[in-house]
Each structure stands twice: as structure tokens, then as C-alpha cells.
Amino acid sequence: MRVLITGSSGLIGSALMPALAAAGHDVVRLLRGTGGPSGNLHWDPAAGTIDDLSGIDAVIHLAGVGIGEKRWSEEQKRAILESRTVGTRLVAEAMAAATPRPSVMVSSSAIAVYGNPGDAELTEESPAAADYLADVVVQWEAAARPAADAGIRVVYPRTGIVLSSRGGALDRMLLPFKLGLGGRVGPGTQWMSWISMADEIAALIHLLEGDLSGPVNLTAPNPATNLEFVKTLGSVLNRPTLLPTPLLPVKARFGAELVESLLLYSQRIVGVKLLESGFEFQHLELRGALEAAVAGD
């Protein structure tokens, strides 16, 4: 297939492109602005412009402002939301207008939609929560509706914590843990639903080539509590994890709302649809996933 990717320079996109090529797909990047390598397409979400997508067979849409990079000011919250909804709607409308139309849209999403359910196990059938990030996800997924209304198969991979030493949450944790300063966050009882980078990439290709539609949780079958995660990472790095992470300086830098949502929410997610579709995880257990990540994925 001729597969168009947005967000191709991000953590997941940069790993996905060579994997798609290795699977026999022709990869096209959707880049901002004009110019750059030939064979790619261009868009400007703020201006509402995008190249004709005729001749594209499928789209994997990954673009969006990182949710944990800056304090959540009202301006940053708006940027997080609009970077997802405006871009997603533009791509979906372009897909619907193409002749012929692409057959599938894999439109990135997140398990943040489930909020803070505590110890409850949640599946794709569980309802959305009522908080800022959950509302972002609801609007993000709804923005792809023009593609679905045009008869295009749309699937929303609701991704958990992707374990990689090249970016994301784990990458930010590695330095303090290597210095022996890593420890549980808050009570340590909150659930963390994770997925290895290798399985994230394989799952996205599985969704592209398969027949699933709608929300699909991309998390390993064995979520871990924060305390279990911390102890396992400390063991992999051969470092102590005795001291809890002090939250006051983190909240001072990033704000209480961000810290609560990203570090203290408990999310015990089960990827029922992915497992039932026959997907086979390379990393079922946390230790193996962390070892692979620390070794450079």
C-alpha cells in the first residue's frame, strides 16, 4: 500500500516508517510547509490547506502537540486540543474528497479517554471520563468522522505508555533512576498501562493491514502498578528505588493538574480487541519490555 504518515518525525513516526517499508509498503510523509524531499505531500493545518490525497491507499495520522512537555496554561491546553482536532479533521476531509479515496485511516488516540478509574479493568467498551484529557480524546476521535462518513475504515489506536529510551515518559525517568534517585510516585498503587515500542509499531501495522475499526487499546496485557514499575526498572538498571519521588518540585514546574493526570491517575487497561484479532505481543512482561527499551529498543 501507499501509506501516508503525519507526525513522521516524532518518537513513534520515526520508528514506524522503516518498519512499514520493511513490510513492503510505500511510505509517503505529510510535511508542513513546502519543499523538502520529492515524493512527499504537504499541509498547513492552521491555514486549512493540504495536498490532494488521491493515489494514497491509507493514512496513519500521528501528529499532535505533546501533552507532557509544558505546564498546562490555557494557551497550552488549547494548543494540545487544536493540534489534534484541526489536523485530524483536515486529513479526514481530504481523504473523503480524494479520488479514489484511501481505504483506511489509522488515527492516533490515547487511553487518557478513560480518566482515573482506580483498580477497575477497562476495555474499549468502557465510557469516556469527564476531565480535560478525556474530553481532548473524545473530540480528537470525533474529528475523524468525515472519513468514516465517506465509507473509509477508521481505527483509533488508544495508546498507553510507550516504553522507549529515545523519548516519552521512560526516557525522562532514566537519568534520575540511573543516579539512584528513582522511586514510586505518590502512593505507588496507581496502575500504569504500557506497551513496548516494538509492539506499538507492530500493532499499528496490524491495524493498518487488518479489518478492525473504532477504538482499539494498544497496551500490553499485563499492566503494572507504579510501585511494580519502579522496582522493575530499578532492577533492570541495578539501582536502588527506596526514596519516593518528591511531587512538590514537579508540581511547581508543570502544575498540579498535569502531574495528577499523567503521574497519579490509575489506568488498568485491557486491549481486548487487539488480542481477539490475533495480534501476538513480543513483550508480554514488563521486565523484558524495559530491558529492550534500555538497550535502545
C-alpha atoms as a PDB file:
ATOM      1  CA  MET A   1       0.000   0.000   0.000  1.00  0.00           C
ATOM      2  CA  ARG A   2       0.993   3.634  -0.478  1.00  0.00           C
ATOM      3  CA  VAL A   3       0.795   4.828   3.129  1.00  0.00           C
ATOM      4  CA  LEU A   4       0.780   8.487   4.149  1.00  0.00           C
ATOM      5  CA  ILE A   5       2.114   9.335   7.617  1.00  0.00           C
ATOM      6  CA  THR A   6       1.667  12.519   9.636  1.00  0.00           C
ATOM      7  CA  GLY A   7       3.912  13.132  12.639  1.00  0.00           C
ATOM      8  CA  SER A   8       6.650  11.146  10.897  1.00  0.00           C
ATOM      9  CA  SER A   9       9.470  12.895  12.775  1.00  0.00           C
ATOM     10  CA  GLY A  10       8.044  12.043  16.208  1.00  0.00           C
ATOM     11  CA  LEU A  11       9.009   9.193  18.514  1.00  0.00           C
ATOM     12  CA  ILE A  12       6.553   6.703  17.035  1.00  0.00           C
ATOM     13  CA  GLY A  13       6.546   8.018  13.482  1.00  0.00           C
ATOM     14  CA  SER A  14      10.318   7.811  13.094  1.00  0.00           C
ATOM     15  CA  ALA A  15      10.255   4.161  14.195  1.00  0.00           C
ATOM     16  CA  LEU A  16       7.182   3.324  12.127  1.00  0.00           C
ATOM     17  CA  MET A  17       8.488   4.479   8.745  1.00  0.00           C
ATOM     18  CA  PRO A  18      11.293   1.896   8.353  1.00  0.00           C
ATOM     19  CA  ALA A  19       9.005  -0.840   9.719  1.00  0.00           C
ATOM     20  CA  LEU A  20       6.370  -0.021   7.098  1.00  0.00           C
ATOM     21  CA  ALA A  21       8.990  -0.058   4.356  1.00  0.00           C
ATOM     22  CA  ALA A  22      10.276  -3.416   5.607  1.00  0.00           C
ATOM     23  CA  ALA A  23       6.694  -4.737   5.433  1.00  0.00           C
ATOM     24  CA  GLY A  24       6.565  -3.824   1.751  1.00  0.00           C
ATOM     25  CA  HIS A  25       4.638  -0.550   1.928  1.00  0.00           C
ATOM     26  CA  ASP A  26       5.461   2.641   0.039  1.00  0.00           C
ATOM     27  CA  VAL A  27       5.780   5.362   2.694  1.00  0.00           C
ATOM     28  CA  VAL A  28       4.856   8.990   1.971  1.00  0.00           C
ATOM     29  CA  ARG A  29       5.340  11.740   4.552  1.00  0.00           C
ATOM     30  CA  LEU A  30       2.865  14.584   5.061  1.00  0.00           C
ATOM     31  CA  LEU A  31       5.098  17.546   5.870  1.00  0.00           C
ATOM     32  CA  ARG A  32       4.355  21.095   6.954  1.00  0.00           C
ATOM     33  CA  GLY A  33       5.231  23.907   4.590  1.00  0.00           C
ATOM     34  CA  THR A  34       6.612  23.358   1.112  1.00  0.00           C
ATOM     35  CA  GLY A  35       9.732  21.873  -0.390  1.00  0.00           C
ATOM     36  CA  GLY A  36      11.737  19.040   1.096  1.00  0.00           C
ATOM     37  CA  PRO A  37      12.389  15.636  -0.459  1.00  0.00           C
ATOM     38  CA  SER A  38      10.388  14.828  -3.569  1.00  0.00           C
ATOM     39  CA  GLY A  39       7.602  12.298  -3.329  1.00  0.00           C
ATOM     40  CA  ASN A  40       6.174  13.684  -0.091  1.00  0.00           C
ATOM     41  CA  LEU A  41       2.973  15.688   0.399  1.00  0.00           C
ATOM     42  CA  HIS A  42       2.429  18.917   2.328  1.00  0.00           C
ATOM     43  CA  TRP A  43      -0.124  20.567   4.583  1.00  0.00           C
ATOM     44  CA  ASP A  44      -0.702  23.595   6.762  1.00  0.00           C
ATOM     45  CA  PRO A  45      -3.339  22.796   9.408  1.00  0.00           C
ATOM     46  CA  ALA A  46      -3.503  26.399  10.637  1.00  0.00           C
ATOM     47  CA  ALA A  47      -4.267  27.632   7.113  1.00  0.00           C
ATOM     48  CA  GLY A  48      -6.534  24.666   6.358  1.00  0.00           C
ATOM     49  CA  THR A  49      -4.552  23.597   3.291  1.00  0.00           C
ATOM     50  CA  ILE A  50      -3.464  20.096   2.295  1.00  0.00           C
ATOM     51  CA  ASP A  51      -2.312  18.410  -0.902  1.00  0.00           C
ATOM     52  CA  ASP A  52      -4.634  16.148  -2.861  1.00  0.00           C
ATOM     53  CA  LEU A  53      -4.585  12.652  -1.327  1.00  0.00           C
ATOM     54  CA  SER A  54      -5.690  10.859  -4.491  1.00  0.00           C
ATOM     55  CA  GLY A  55      -3.384   7.898  -5.040  1.00  0.00           C
ATOM     56  CA  ILE A  56      -2.870   7.332  -1.307  1.00  0.00           C
ATOM     57  CA  ASP A  57      -4.137   3.933  -0.136  1.00  0.00           C
ATOM     58  CA  ALA A  58      -4.042   4.511   3.623  1.00  0.00           C
ATOM     59  CA  VAL A  59      -3.212   7.162   6.218  1.00  0.00           C
ATOM     60  CA  ILE A  60      -1.577   6.767   9.624  1.00  0.00           C
ATOM     61  CA  HIS A  61      -2.212  10.019  11.460  1.00  0.00           C
ATOM     62  CA  LEU A  62       0.118  10.614  14.423  1.00  0.00           C
ATOM     63  CA  ALA A  63       0.582  14.401  14.560  1.00  0.00           C
ATOM     64  CA  GLY A  64      -0.164  16.333  17.755  1.00  0.00           C
ATOM     65  CA  VAL A  65       1.456  18.550  20.396  1.00  0.00           C
ATOM     66  CA  GLY A  66       2.980  16.543  23.268  1.00  0.00           C
ATOM     67  CA  ILE A  67       0.779  16.583  26.350  1.00  0.00           C
ATOM     68  CA  GLY A  68       3.565  16.469  28.949  1.00  0.00           C
ATOM     69  CA  GLU A  69       6.083  18.902  27.512  1.00  0.00           C
ATOM     70  CA  LYS A  70       4.893  22.140  29.129  1.00  0.00           C
ATOM     71  CA  ARG A  71       2.775  23.412  32.022  1.00  0.00           C
ATOM     72  CA  TRP A  72      -0.911  23.346  31.122  1.00  0.00           C
ATOM     73  CA  SER A  73      -1.674  27.018  30.704  1.00  0.00           C
ATOM     74  CA  GLU A  74      -4.933  27.815  28.945  1.00  0.00           C
ATOM     75  CA  GLU A  75      -2.904  28.544  25.814  1.00  0.00           C
ATOM     76  CA  GLN A  76      -1.101  25.191  26.018  1.00  0.00           C
ATOM     77  CA  LYS A  77      -4.360  23.335  26.612  1.00  0.00           C
ATOM     78  CA  ARG A  78      -5.814  24.949  23.521  1.00  0.00           C
ATOM     79  CA  ALA A  79      -2.707  24.009  21.511  1.00  0.00           C
ATOM     80  CA  ILE A  80      -2.952  20.373  22.674  1.00  0.00           C
ATOM     81  CA  LEU A  81      -6.600  20.174  21.652  1.00  0.00           C
ATOM     82  CA  GLU A  82      -6.399  22.054  18.370  1.00  0.00           C
ATOM     83  CA  SER A  83      -3.246  20.272  17.201  1.00  0.00           C
ATOM     84  CA  ARG A  84      -5.330  17.103  17.311  1.00  0.00           C
ATOM     85  CA  THR A  85      -8.794  18.176  16.238  1.00  0.00           C
ATOM     86  CA  VAL A  86      -7.915  20.672  13.496  1.00  0.00           C
ATOM     87  CA  GLY A  87      -5.296  18.449  11.885  1.00  0.00           C
ATOM     88  CA  THR A  88      -7.373  15.291  12.164  1.00  0.00           C
ATOM     89  CA  ARG A  89     -10.414  16.929  10.608  1.00  0.00           C
ATOM     90  CA  LEU A  90      -8.324  18.349   7.750  1.00  0.00           C
ATOM     91  CA  VAL A  91      -6.828  14.939   6.951  1.00  0.00           C
ATOM     92  CA  ALA A  92     -10.195  13.178   7.238  1.00  0.00           C
ATOM     93  CA  GLU A  93     -11.871  15.677   4.917  1.00  0.00           C
ATOM     94  CA  ALA A  94      -9.038  15.381   2.396  1.00  0.00           C
ATOM     95  CA  MET A  95      -9.370  11.598   2.453  1.00  0.00           C
ATOM     96  CA  ALA A  96     -13.120  11.861   1.855  1.00  0.00           C
ATOM     97  CA  ALA A  97     -12.535  14.222  -1.083  1.00  0.00           C
ATOM     98  CA  ALA A  98      -9.833  12.137  -2.772  1.00  0.00           C
ATOM     99  CA  THR A  99     -10.496  10.175  -5.969  1.00  0.00           C
ATOM    100  CA  PRO A 100     -10.087   7.327  -5.403  1.00  0.00           C
ATOM    101  CA  ARG A 101     -10.373   7.521  -1.637  1.00  0.00           C
ATOM    102  CA  PRO A 102      -7.876   5.860   0.700  1.00  0.00           C
ATOM    103  CA  SER A 103      -9.356   2.730   2.227  1.00  0.00           C
ATOM    104  CA  VAL A 104      -8.234   3.131   5.847  1.00  0.00           C
ATOM    105  CA  MET A 105      -7.343   5.819   8.373  1.00  0.00           C
ATOM    106  CA  VAL A 106      -5.398   4.829  11.485  1.00  0.00           C
ATOM    107  CA  SER A 107      -5.935   7.929  13.615  1.00  0.00           C
ATOM    108  CA  SER A 108      -3.881   8.109  16.786  1.00  0.00           C
ATOM    109  CA  SER A 109      -5.660   8.312  20.137  1.00  0.00           C
ATOM    110  CA  ALA A 110      -4.916   7.658  23.819  1.00  0.00           C
ATOM    111  CA  ILE A 111      -6.044   5.738  26.891  1.00  0.00           C
ATOM    112  CA  ALA A 112      -6.416   9.119  28.614  1.00  0.00           C
ATOM    113  CA  VAL A 113     -10.050   8.888  27.500  1.00  0.00           C
ATOM    114  CA  TYR A 114     -10.729   6.559  30.461  1.00  0.00           C
ATOM    115  CA  GLY A 115      -9.709   9.077  33.127  1.00  0.00           C
ATOM    116  CA  ASN A 116      -8.875   7.798  36.615  1.00  0.00           C
ATOM    117  CA  PRO A 117     -10.877   4.597  37.183  1.00  0.00           C
ATOM    118  CA  GLY A 118      -8.741   3.237  40.032  1.00  0.00           C
ATOM    119  CA  ASP A 119      -8.401  -0.549  40.101  1.00  0.00           C
ATOM    120  CA  ALA A 120     -11.202  -1.258  37.629  1.00  0.00           C
ATOM    121  CA  GLU A 121     -10.198  -3.067  34.427  1.00  0.00           C
ATOM    122  CA  LEU A 122     -11.347  -1.101  31.412  1.00  0.00           C
ATOM    123  CA  THR A 123     -11.837  -2.194  27.810  1.00  0.00           C
ATOM    124  CA  GLU A 124     -12.752  -0.429  24.586  1.00  0.00           C
ATOM    125  CA  GLU A 125     -16.394  -0.629  25.686  1.00  0.00           C
ATOM    126  CA  SER A 126     -15.781   1.457  28.823  1.00  0.00           C
ATOM    127  CA  PRO A 127     -17.170   5.013  28.782  1.00  0.00           C
ATOM    128  CA  ALA A 128     -15.150   8.192  28.485  1.00  0.00           C
ATOM    129  CA  ALA A 129     -14.336  10.054  31.685  1.00  0.00           C
ATOM    130  CA  ALA A 130     -15.223  13.675  32.417  1.00  0.00           C
ATOM    131  CA  ASP A 131     -11.924  15.546  32.610  1.00  0.00           C
ATOM    132  CA  TYR A 132      -9.698  17.647  30.370  1.00  0.00           C
ATOM    133  CA  LEU A 133      -7.663  14.884  28.693  1.00  0.00           C
ATOM    134  CA  ALA A 134     -10.662  12.614  28.244  1.00  0.00           C
ATOM    135  CA  ASP A 135     -12.508  15.452  26.538  1.00  0.00           C
ATOM    136  CA  VAL A 136      -9.497  16.042  24.274  1.00  0.00           C
ATOM    137  CA  VAL A 137      -9.577  12.393  23.201  1.00  0.00           C
ATOM    138  CA  VAL A 138     -13.335  12.436  22.580  1.00  0.00           C
ATOM    139  CA  GLN A 139     -13.021  15.479  20.332  1.00  0.00           C
ATOM    140  CA  TRP A 140      -9.864  14.078  18.696  1.00  0.00           C
ATOM    141  CA  GLU A 141     -11.615  10.886  17.654  1.00  0.00           C
ATOM    142  CA  ALA A 142     -14.754  12.738  16.558  1.00  0.00           C
ATOM    143  CA  ALA A 143     -12.654  14.896  14.236  1.00  0.00           C
ATOM    144  CA  ALA A 144     -12.017  11.830  12.024  1.00  0.00           C
ATOM    145  CA  ARG A 145     -15.757  11.408  11.375  1.00  0.00           C
ATOM    146  CA  PRO A 146     -15.663  12.861   7.819  1.00  0.00           C
ATOM    147  CA  ALA A 147     -13.529   9.898   6.756  1.00  0.00           C
ATOM    148  CA  ALA A 148     -15.827   7.361   8.413  1.00  0.00           C
ATOM    149  CA  ASP A 149     -18.895   9.060   6.914  1.00  0.00           C
ATOM    150  CA  ALA A 150     -17.304   8.636   3.485  1.00  0.00           C
ATOM    151  CA  GLY A 151     -17.072   4.868   3.980  1.00  0.00           C
ATOM    152  CA  ILE A 152     -13.405   4.774   4.941  1.00  0.00           C
ATOM    153  CA  ARG A 153     -12.432   2.288   7.658  1.00  0.00           C
ATOM    154  CA  VAL A 154     -11.289   4.385  10.616  1.00  0.00           C
ATOM    155  CA  VAL A 155      -9.490   2.876  13.604  1.00  0.00           C
ATOM    156  CA  TYR A 156      -8.379   4.735  16.720  1.00  0.00           C
ATOM    157  CA  PRO A 157      -5.334   3.170  18.432  1.00  0.00           C
ATOM    158  CA  ARG A 158      -5.675   4.282  22.051  1.00  0.00           C
ATOM    159  CA  THR A 159      -2.048   4.023  23.042  1.00  0.00           C
ATOM    160  CA  GLY A 160      -0.747   3.613  26.575  1.00  0.00           C
ATOM    161  CA  ILE A 161       2.738   4.470  27.874  1.00  0.00           C
ATOM    162  CA  VAL A 162       5.161   3.608  25.073  1.00  0.00           C
ATOM    163  CA  LEU A 163       8.416   2.351  26.579  1.00  0.00           C
ATOM    164  CA  SER A 164      11.414   3.836  24.792  1.00  0.00           C
ATOM    165  CA  SER A 165      14.758   5.313  25.795  1.00  0.00           C
ATOM    166  CA  ARG A 166      14.546   7.675  22.820  1.00  0.00           C
ATOM    167  CA  GLY A 167      11.681   9.809  24.088  1.00  0.00           C
ATOM    168  CA  GLY A 168       8.490   9.848  26.102  1.00  0.00           C
ATOM    169  CA  ALA A 169       7.888   9.091  29.772  1.00  0.00           C
ATOM    170  CA  LEU A 170      10.528   6.384  30.236  1.00  0.00           C
ATOM    171  CA  ASP A 171      13.246   8.490  28.649  1.00  0.00           C
ATOM    172  CA  ARG A 172      12.572  11.252  31.194  1.00  0.00           C
ATOM    173  CA  MET A 173      12.755   8.724  34.028  1.00  0.00           C
ATOM    174  CA  LEU A 174      16.078   7.140  33.097  1.00  0.00           C
ATOM    175  CA  LEU A 175      18.514   9.781  34.351  1.00  0.00           C
ATOM    176  CA  PRO A 176      17.191  10.043  37.925  1.00  0.00           C
ATOM    177  CA  PHE A 177      16.902   6.261  38.109  1.00  0.00           C
ATOM    178  CA  LYS A 178      20.472   5.805  36.867  1.00  0.00           C
ATOM    179  CA  LEU A 179      21.574   8.237  39.582  1.00  0.00           C
ATOM    180  CA  GLY A 180      19.785   6.132  42.207  1.00  0.00           C
ATOM    181  CA  LEU A 181      17.127   8.795  42.748  1.00  0.00           C
ATOM    182  CA  GLY A 182      14.170   6.958  41.239  1.00  0.00           C
ATOM    183  CA  GLY A 183      11.231   5.908  43.366  1.00  0.00           C
ATOM    184  CA  ARG A 184       7.492   5.453  43.466  1.00  0.00           C
ATOM    185  CA  VAL A 185       5.254   8.382  42.598  1.00  0.00           C
ATOM    186  CA  GLY A 186       2.556   9.147  45.141  1.00  0.00           C
ATOM    187  CA  PRO A 187       1.059   6.022  46.724  1.00  0.00           C
ATOM    188  CA  GLY A 188       2.546   3.723  44.082  1.00  0.00           C
ATOM    189  CA  THR A 189      -0.724   1.809  43.839  1.00  0.00           C
ATOM    190  CA  GLN A 190      -1.864   3.530  40.641  1.00  0.00           C
ATOM    191  CA  TRP A 191      -1.909   1.323  37.538  1.00  0.00           C
ATOM    192  CA  MET A 192       0.292   2.030  34.531  1.00  0.00           C
ATOM    193  CA  SER A 193      -0.758   0.549  31.189  1.00  0.00           C
ATOM    194  CA  TRP A 194       2.314   0.252  28.995  1.00  0.00           C
ATOM    195  CA  ILE A 195       3.419  -1.120  25.635  1.00  0.00           C
ATOM    196  CA  SER A 196       6.901  -1.715  24.236  1.00  0.00           C
ATOM    197  CA  MET A 197       7.978   0.290  21.210  1.00  0.00           C
ATOM    198  CA  ALA A 198       8.317  -2.887  19.153  1.00  0.00           C
ATOM    199  CA  ASP A 199       4.748  -3.900  19.965  1.00  0.00           C
ATOM    200  CA  GLU A 200       3.421  -0.376  19.357  1.00  0.00           C
ATOM    201  CA  ILE A 201       4.874  -0.371  15.851  1.00  0.00           C
ATOM    202  CA  ALA A 202       3.747  -3.919  15.111  1.00  0.00           C
ATOM    203  CA  ALA A 203       0.244  -3.138  16.398  1.00  0.00           C
ATOM    204  CA  LEU A 204      -0.092  -0.059  14.178  1.00  0.00           C
ATOM    205  CA  ILE A 205       0.851  -2.128  11.134  1.00  0.00           C
ATOM    206  CA  HIS A 206      -1.576  -4.836  12.300  1.00  0.00           C
ATOM    207  CA  LEU A 207      -4.358  -2.240  12.417  1.00  0.00           C
ATOM    208  CA  LEU A 208      -3.372  -0.886   9.016  1.00  0.00           C
ATOM    209  CA  GLU A 209      -3.432  -4.294   7.341  1.00  0.00           C
ATOM    210  CA  GLY A 210      -6.331  -5.830   9.277  1.00  0.00           C
ATOM    211  CA  ASP A 211     -10.042  -5.149   9.465  1.00  0.00           C
ATOM    212  CA  LEU A 212     -10.594  -3.619  12.899  1.00  0.00           C
ATOM    213  CA  SER A 213     -12.349  -0.279  13.220  1.00  0.00           C
ATOM    214  CA  GLY A 214     -13.233   2.096  16.038  1.00  0.00           C
ATOM    215  CA  PRO A 215     -11.231   2.337  19.294  1.00  0.00           C
ATOM    216  CA  VAL A 216      -8.528  -0.280  19.907  1.00  0.00           C
ATOM    217  CA  ASN A 217      -6.479  -0.208  23.113  1.00  0.00           C
ATOM    218  CA  LEU A 218      -2.748  -0.522  22.435  1.00  0.00           C
ATOM    219  CA  THR A 219      -1.460  -1.729  25.797  1.00  0.00           C
ATOM    220  CA  ALA A 220       0.299  -4.918  26.879  1.00  0.00           C
ATOM    221  CA  PRO A 221      -1.917  -7.493  28.617  1.00  0.00           C
ATOM    222  CA  ASN A 222      -0.119  -7.071  31.955  1.00  0.00           C
ATOM    223  CA  PRO A 223      -0.339  -3.520  33.324  1.00  0.00           C
ATOM    224  CA  ALA A 224       1.755  -2.773  36.409  1.00  0.00           C
ATOM    225  CA  THR A 225       1.279  -0.657  39.484  1.00  0.00           C
ATOM    226  CA  ASN A 226       3.614   2.304  39.740  1.00  0.00           C
ATOM    227  CA  LEU A 227       5.491   0.597  42.575  1.00  0.00           C
ATOM    228  CA  GLU A 228       5.960  -2.563  40.500  1.00  0.00           C
ATOM    229  CA  PHE A 229       7.086  -0.494  37.524  1.00  0.00           C
ATOM    230  CA  VAL A 230       9.608   1.427  39.636  1.00  0.00           C
ATOM    231  CA  LYS A 231      11.050  -1.698  41.253  1.00  0.00           C
ATOM    232  CA  THR A 232      11.362  -3.459  37.905  1.00  0.00           C
ATOM    233  CA  LEU A 233      13.092  -0.503  36.275  1.00  0.00           C
ATOM    234  CA  GLY A 234      15.458  -0.201  39.246  1.00  0.00           C
ATOM    235  CA  SER A 235      16.280  -3.905  38.944  1.00  0.00           C
ATOM    236  CA  VAL A 236      16.942  -3.598  35.200  1.00  0.00           C
ATOM    237  CA  LEU A 237      19.285  -0.660  35.845  1.00  0.00           C
ATOM    238  CA  ASN A 238      20.734  -2.255  39.008  1.00  0.00           C
ATOM    239  CA  ARG A 239      19.885   0.831  41.034  1.00  0.00           C
ATOM    240  CA  PRO A 240      18.029   1.335  44.352  1.00  0.00           C
ATOM    241  CA  THR A 241      14.471   2.669  44.348  1.00  0.00           C
ATOM    242  CA  LEU A 242      13.984   3.421  48.026  1.00  0.00           C
ATOM    243  CA  LEU A 243      13.103   7.116  48.000  1.00  0.00           C
ATOM    244  CA  PRO A 244       9.705   8.245  46.731  1.00  0.00           C
ATOM    245  CA  THR A 245       9.702  10.872  44.007  1.00  0.00           C
ATOM    246  CA  PRO A 246       9.086  14.313  45.585  1.00  0.00           C
ATOM    247  CA  LEU A 247       6.000  15.752  43.933  1.00  0.00           C
ATOM    248  CA  LEU A 248       6.220  19.375  45.111  1.00  0.00           C
ATOM    249  CA  PRO A 249       9.043  20.412  42.748  1.00  0.00           C
ATOM    250  CA  VAL A 250       7.404  18.546  39.855  1.00  0.00           C
ATOM    251  CA  LYS A 251       4.100  20.292  40.519  1.00  0.00           C
ATOM    252  CA  ALA A 252       5.905  23.623  40.833  1.00  0.00           C
ATOM    253  CA  ARG A 253       7.360  23.159  37.361  1.00  0.00           C
ATOM    254  CA  PHE A 254       4.480  21.539  35.485  1.00  0.00           C
ATOM    255  CA  GLY A 255       1.422  22.395  37.556  1.00  0.00           C
ATOM    256  CA  ALA A 256      -0.763  20.202  39.741  1.00  0.00           C
ATOM    257  CA  GLU A 257      -3.304  19.320  37.048  1.00  0.00           C
ATOM    258  CA  LEU A 258      -0.717  17.900  34.654  1.00  0.00           C
ATOM    259  CA  VAL A 259       1.034  15.957  37.421  1.00  0.00           C
ATOM    260  CA  GLU A 260      -2.221  14.485  38.716  1.00  0.00           C
ATOM    261  CA  SER A 261      -3.354  13.459  35.223  1.00  0.00           C
ATOM    262  CA  LEU A 262      -0.075  11.988  33.956  1.00  0.00           C
ATOM    263  CA  LEU A 263       1.552  10.624  37.106  1.00  0.00           C
ATOM    264  CA  LEU A 264      -1.152   9.859  39.656  1.00  0.00           C
ATOM    265  CA  TYR A 265      -4.124   8.668  37.601  1.00  0.00           C
ATOM    266  CA  SER A 266      -4.666   4.906  37.802  1.00  0.00           C
ATOM    267  CA  GLN A 267      -5.402   3.269  34.445  1.00  0.00           C
ATOM    268  CA  ARG A 268      -5.719  -0.506  34.270  1.00  0.00           C
ATOM    269  CA  ILE A 269      -6.492  -1.016  30.597  1.00  0.00           C
ATOM    270  CA  VAL A 270      -7.154  -4.283  28.766  1.00  0.00           C
ATOM    271  CA  GLY A 271      -6.711  -4.440  24.983  1.00  0.00           C
ATOM    272  CA  VAL A 272      -9.483  -6.916  24.245  1.00  0.00           C
ATOM    273  CA  LYS A 273      -9.950  -6.104  20.561  1.00  0.00           C
ATOM    274  CA  LEU A 274      -6.243  -6.344  19.738  1.00  0.00           C
ATOM    275  CA  LEU A 275      -5.883  -9.739  21.404  1.00  0.00           C
ATOM    276  CA  GLU A 276      -9.074 -11.109  19.864  1.00  0.00           C
ATOM    277  CA  SER A 277      -7.850 -10.050  16.416  1.00  0.00           C
ATOM    278  CA  GLY A 278      -4.908 -12.419  16.736  1.00  0.00           C
ATOM    279  CA  PHE A 279      -2.153  -9.914  17.492  1.00  0.00           C
ATOM    280  CA  GLU A 280       0.854 -11.520  19.213  1.00  0.00           C
ATOM    281  CA  PHE A 281       2.860  -9.384  21.621  1.00  0.00           C
ATOM    282  CA  GLN A 282       6.630  -9.578  21.561  1.00  0.00           C
ATOM    283  CA  HIS A 283       6.792  -8.224  25.111  1.00  0.00           C
ATOM    284  CA  LEU A 284       4.131  -9.582  27.422  1.00  0.00           C
ATOM    285  CA  GLU A 285       6.058  -8.898  30.621  1.00  0.00           C
ATOM    286  CA  LEU A 286       7.296  -5.557  31.900  1.00  0.00           C
ATOM    287  CA  ARG A 287      10.882  -6.591  32.596  1.00  0.00           C
ATOM    288  CA  GLY A 288      11.535  -7.734  29.036  1.00  0.00           C
ATOM    289  CA  ALA A 289       9.973  -4.557  27.657  1.00  0.00           C
ATOM    290  CA  LEU A 290      12.125  -2.367  29.921  1.00  0.00           C
ATOM    291  CA  GLU A 291      15.263  -4.311  29.073  1.00  0.00           C
ATOM    292  CA  ALA A 292      14.587  -3.808  25.360  1.00  0.00           C
ATOM    293  CA  ALA A 293      13.939  -0.098  25.874  1.00  0.00           C
ATOM    294  CA  VAL A 294      17.059   0.484  27.948  1.00  0.00           C
ATOM    295  CA  ALA A 295      19.110  -1.379  25.337  1.00  0.00           C
ATOM    296  CA  GLY A 296      17.874   1.076  22.715  1.00  0.00           C
ATOM    297  CA  ASP A 297      14.622  -0.593  21.607  1.00  0.00           C
END
